[in-house]
C-alpha atoms as a PDB file:
ATOM      1  CA  MET A   1      95.004  93.545  95.778  1.00  0.00           C
ATOM      2  CA  GLN A   2      97.997  93.166  93.428  1.00  0.00           C
ATOM      3  CA  ASP A   3      95.919  94.220  90.407  1.00  0.00           C
ATOM      4  CA  GLU A   4      94.720  97.277  92.318  1.00  0.00           C
ATOM      5  CA  ILE A   5      98.314  98.200  93.188  1.00  0.00           C
ATOM      6  CA  TYR A   6      99.285  98.098  89.509  1.00  0.00           C
ATOM      7  CA  ARG A   7      96.198 100.118  88.533  1.00  0.00           C
ATOM      8  CA  GLU A   8      97.222 102.739  91.094  1.00  0.00           C
ATOM      9  CA  ILE A   9     100.706 102.911  89.539  1.00  0.00           C
ATOM     10  CA  ALA A  10      99.262 103.128  86.010  1.00  0.00           C
ATOM     11  CA  THR A  11      96.973 105.983  87.046  1.00  0.00           C
ATOM     12  CA  ALA A  12      99.919 107.887  88.540  1.00  0.00           C
ATOM     13  CA  ILE A  13     101.957 107.383  85.365  1.00  0.00           C
ATOM     14  CA  GLU A  14      99.048 108.638  83.235  1.00  0.00           C
ATOM     15  CA  LYS A  15      98.860 111.754  85.424  1.00  0.00           C
ATOM     16  CA  GLN A  16     102.662 112.122  85.242  1.00  0.00           C
ATOM     17  CA  GLN A  17     102.908 111.967  89.029  1.00  0.00           C
ATOM     18  CA  PRO A  18     105.785 109.950  90.494  1.00  0.00           C
ATOM     19  CA  VAL A  19     104.990 107.339  93.117  1.00  0.00           C
ATOM     20  CA  VAL A  20     107.053 104.981  95.209  1.00  0.00           C
ATOM     21  CA  LEU A  21     106.469 101.247  95.247  1.00  0.00           C
ATOM     22  CA  ALA A  22     107.470  99.494  98.467  1.00  0.00           C
ATOM     23  CA  THR A  23     107.664  95.695  98.177  1.00  0.00           C
ATOM     24  CA  VAL A  24     108.447  93.241 100.960  1.00  0.00           C
ATOM     25  CA  ALA A  25     111.485  91.486  99.473  1.00  0.00           C
ATOM     26  CA  ARG A  26     112.371  89.110 102.320  1.00  0.00           C
ATOM     27  CA  THR A  27     111.090  88.180 105.745  1.00  0.00           C
ATOM     28  CA  ARG A  28     112.624  86.362 108.674  1.00  0.00           C
ATOM     29  CA  GLY A  29     110.590  85.201 111.645  1.00  0.00           C
ATOM     30  CA  SER A  30     107.034  86.328 112.311  1.00  0.00           C
ATOM     31  CA  THR A  31     105.979  89.391 110.272  1.00  0.00           C
ATOM     32  CA  PRO A  32     102.569  90.951 109.591  1.00  0.00           C
ATOM     33  CA  ARG A  33     102.913  90.522 105.806  1.00  0.00           C
ATOM     34  CA  LYS A  34     104.959  88.160 103.700  1.00  0.00           C
ATOM     35  CA  THR A  35     107.252  88.491 100.689  1.00  0.00           C
ATOM     36  CA  GLY A  36     105.529  90.248  97.799  1.00  0.00           C
ATOM     37  CA  ALA A  37     103.257  92.517  99.872  1.00  0.00           C
ATOM     38  CA  LYS A  38     103.149  95.975  98.292  1.00  0.00           C
ATOM     39  CA  MET A  39     102.340  99.578  99.143  1.00  0.00           C
ATOM     40  CA  VAL A  40     102.261 102.608  96.824  1.00  0.00           C
ATOM     41  CA  VAL A  41     103.163 105.999  98.309  1.00  0.00           C
ATOM     42  CA  ARG A  42     101.949 109.061  96.408  1.00  0.00           C
ATOM     43  CA  HIS A  43     103.719 112.424  96.145  1.00  0.00           C
ATOM     44  CA  ASP A  44     101.237 113.992  98.614  1.00  0.00           C
ATOM     45  CA  GLY A  45     102.120 111.393 101.268  1.00  0.00           C
ATOM     46  CA  SER A  46      98.941 109.362 100.934  1.00  0.00           C
ATOM     47  CA  PHE A  47      99.341 105.671 100.230  1.00  0.00           C
ATOM     48  CA  PHE A  48      97.542 102.619  98.900  1.00  0.00           C
ATOM     49  CA  GLY A  49      98.057  99.030 100.025  1.00  0.00           C
ATOM     50  CA  THR A  50      99.956  97.874 103.083  1.00  0.00           C
ATOM     51  CA  ILE A  51     103.137  96.140 104.096  1.00  0.00           C
ATOM     52  CA  GLY A  52     101.956  95.544 107.642  1.00  0.00           C
ATOM     53  CA  GLY A  53     100.941  98.721 109.440  1.00  0.00           C
ATOM     54  CA  GLY A  54     102.289 100.228 112.637  1.00  0.00           C
ATOM     55  CA  CYS A  55     105.773 101.627 113.211  1.00  0.00           C
ATOM     56  CA  GLY A  56     107.330  99.421 110.537  1.00  0.00           C
ATOM     57  CA  GLU A  57     105.043 100.776 107.840  1.00  0.00           C
ATOM     58  CA  ALA A  58     105.644 104.325 109.081  1.00  0.00           C
ATOM     59  CA  GLU A  59     109.399 103.751 108.811  1.00  0.00           C
ATOM     60  CA  VAL A  60     109.046 102.567 105.213  1.00  0.00           C
ATOM     61  CA  TRP A  61     106.682 105.476 104.423  1.00  0.00           C
ATOM     62  CA  GLN A  62     109.332 107.944 105.603  1.00  0.00           C
ATOM     63  CA  GLU A  63     111.969 106.296 103.412  1.00  0.00           C
ATOM     64  CA  ALA A  64     109.494 106.338 100.508  1.00  0.00           C
ATOM     65  CA  MET A  65     109.107 110.103 100.880  1.00  0.00           C
ATOM     66  CA  ASP A  66     112.906 110.399 100.725  1.00  0.00           C
ATOM     67  CA  VAL A  67     112.986 108.201  97.606  1.00  0.00           C
ATOM     68  CA  LEU A  68     110.429 110.502  95.962  1.00  0.00           C
ATOM     69  CA  GLN A  69     112.865 113.378  96.501  1.00  0.00           C
ATOM     70  CA  ASP A  70     116.191 111.786  95.589  1.00  0.00           C
ATOM     71  CA  GLY A  71     115.041 109.019  93.210  1.00  0.00           C
ATOM     72  CA  ARG A  72     117.465 106.472  94.710  1.00  0.00           C
ATOM     73  CA  ALA A  73     116.033 103.011  95.299  1.00  0.00           C
ATOM     74  CA  ARG A  74     116.943 101.343  98.563  1.00  0.00           C
ATOM     75  CA  ILE A  75     116.247  98.432 100.845  1.00  0.00           C
ATOM     76  CA  VAL A  76     114.760  99.297 104.224  1.00  0.00           C
ATOM     77  CA  THR A  77     115.209  96.727 106.987  1.00  0.00           C
ATOM     78  CA  VAL A  78     112.301  96.796 109.432  1.00  0.00           C
ATOM     79  CA  ASP A  79     113.136  95.092 112.717  1.00  0.00           C
ATOM     80  CA  LEU A  80     109.975  93.970 114.503  1.00  0.00           C
ATOM     81  CA  THR A  81     111.781  92.059 117.239  1.00  0.00           C
ATOM     82  CA  GLU A  82     112.169  94.804 119.833  1.00  0.00           C
ATOM     83  CA  PRO A  83     109.149  96.625 121.270  1.00  0.00           C
ATOM     84  CA  THR A  84     109.572 100.397 121.312  1.00  0.00           C
ATOM     85  CA  ASP A  85     106.993 102.868 122.561  1.00  0.00           C
ATOM     86  CA  GLY A  86     103.795 100.829 122.651  1.00  0.00           C
ATOM     87  CA  ASP A  87     103.239  97.254 121.592  1.00  0.00           C
ATOM     88  CA  ASP A  88     103.085  97.435 117.801  1.00  0.00           C
ATOM     89  CA  LYS A  89     106.483  95.789 117.177  1.00  0.00           C
ATOM     90  CA  ILE A  90     105.681  92.500 118.840  1.00  0.00           C
ATOM     91  CA  CYS A  91     105.687  90.280 115.747  1.00  0.00           C
ATOM     92  CA  GLY A  92     109.212  89.066 116.364  1.00  0.00           C
ATOM     93  CA  GLY A  93     110.512  89.129 112.799  1.00  0.00           C
ATOM     94  CA  VAL A  94     112.463  91.239 110.334  1.00  0.00           C
ATOM     95  CA  MET A  95     111.370  92.459 106.892  1.00  0.00           C
ATOM     96  CA  ASP A  96     113.543  93.783 104.077  1.00  0.00           C
ATOM     97  CA  VAL A  97     111.481  96.161 101.949  1.00  0.00           C
ATOM     98  CA  PHE A  98     112.617  97.309  98.486  1.00  0.00           C
ATOM     99  CA  VAL A  99     111.579 100.928  97.925  1.00  0.00           C
ATOM    100  CA  GLU A 100     111.720 102.362  94.380  1.00  0.00           C
ATOM    101  CA  ARG A 101     110.462 105.458  92.567  1.00  0.00           C
ATOM    102  CA  ILE A 102     108.276 104.968  89.509  1.00  0.00           C
ATOM    103  CA  GLY A 103     107.588 107.749  87.024  1.00  0.00           C
END
């Protein structure tokens, strides 16, 4: 999967289309993906790869769209310890995800 992520980034660079790379930088407790998991978010909102799915991934996707606009890298902390609407935050851990624009 990692090679495919980098191919996706290379293709975007060749097409001169910025993308955002979201990388799980640190985890604490039980999380759906571990450190190093990656997701690429394209300028049209589509994405490739996964950092875990559910509300946490949606939260990172929204930040990625903001990073596409302002170009400022950031760390997004995804708290999966408290269930919200539904049961998709039941992992019990926390992930810090580094979100950066490329291109």
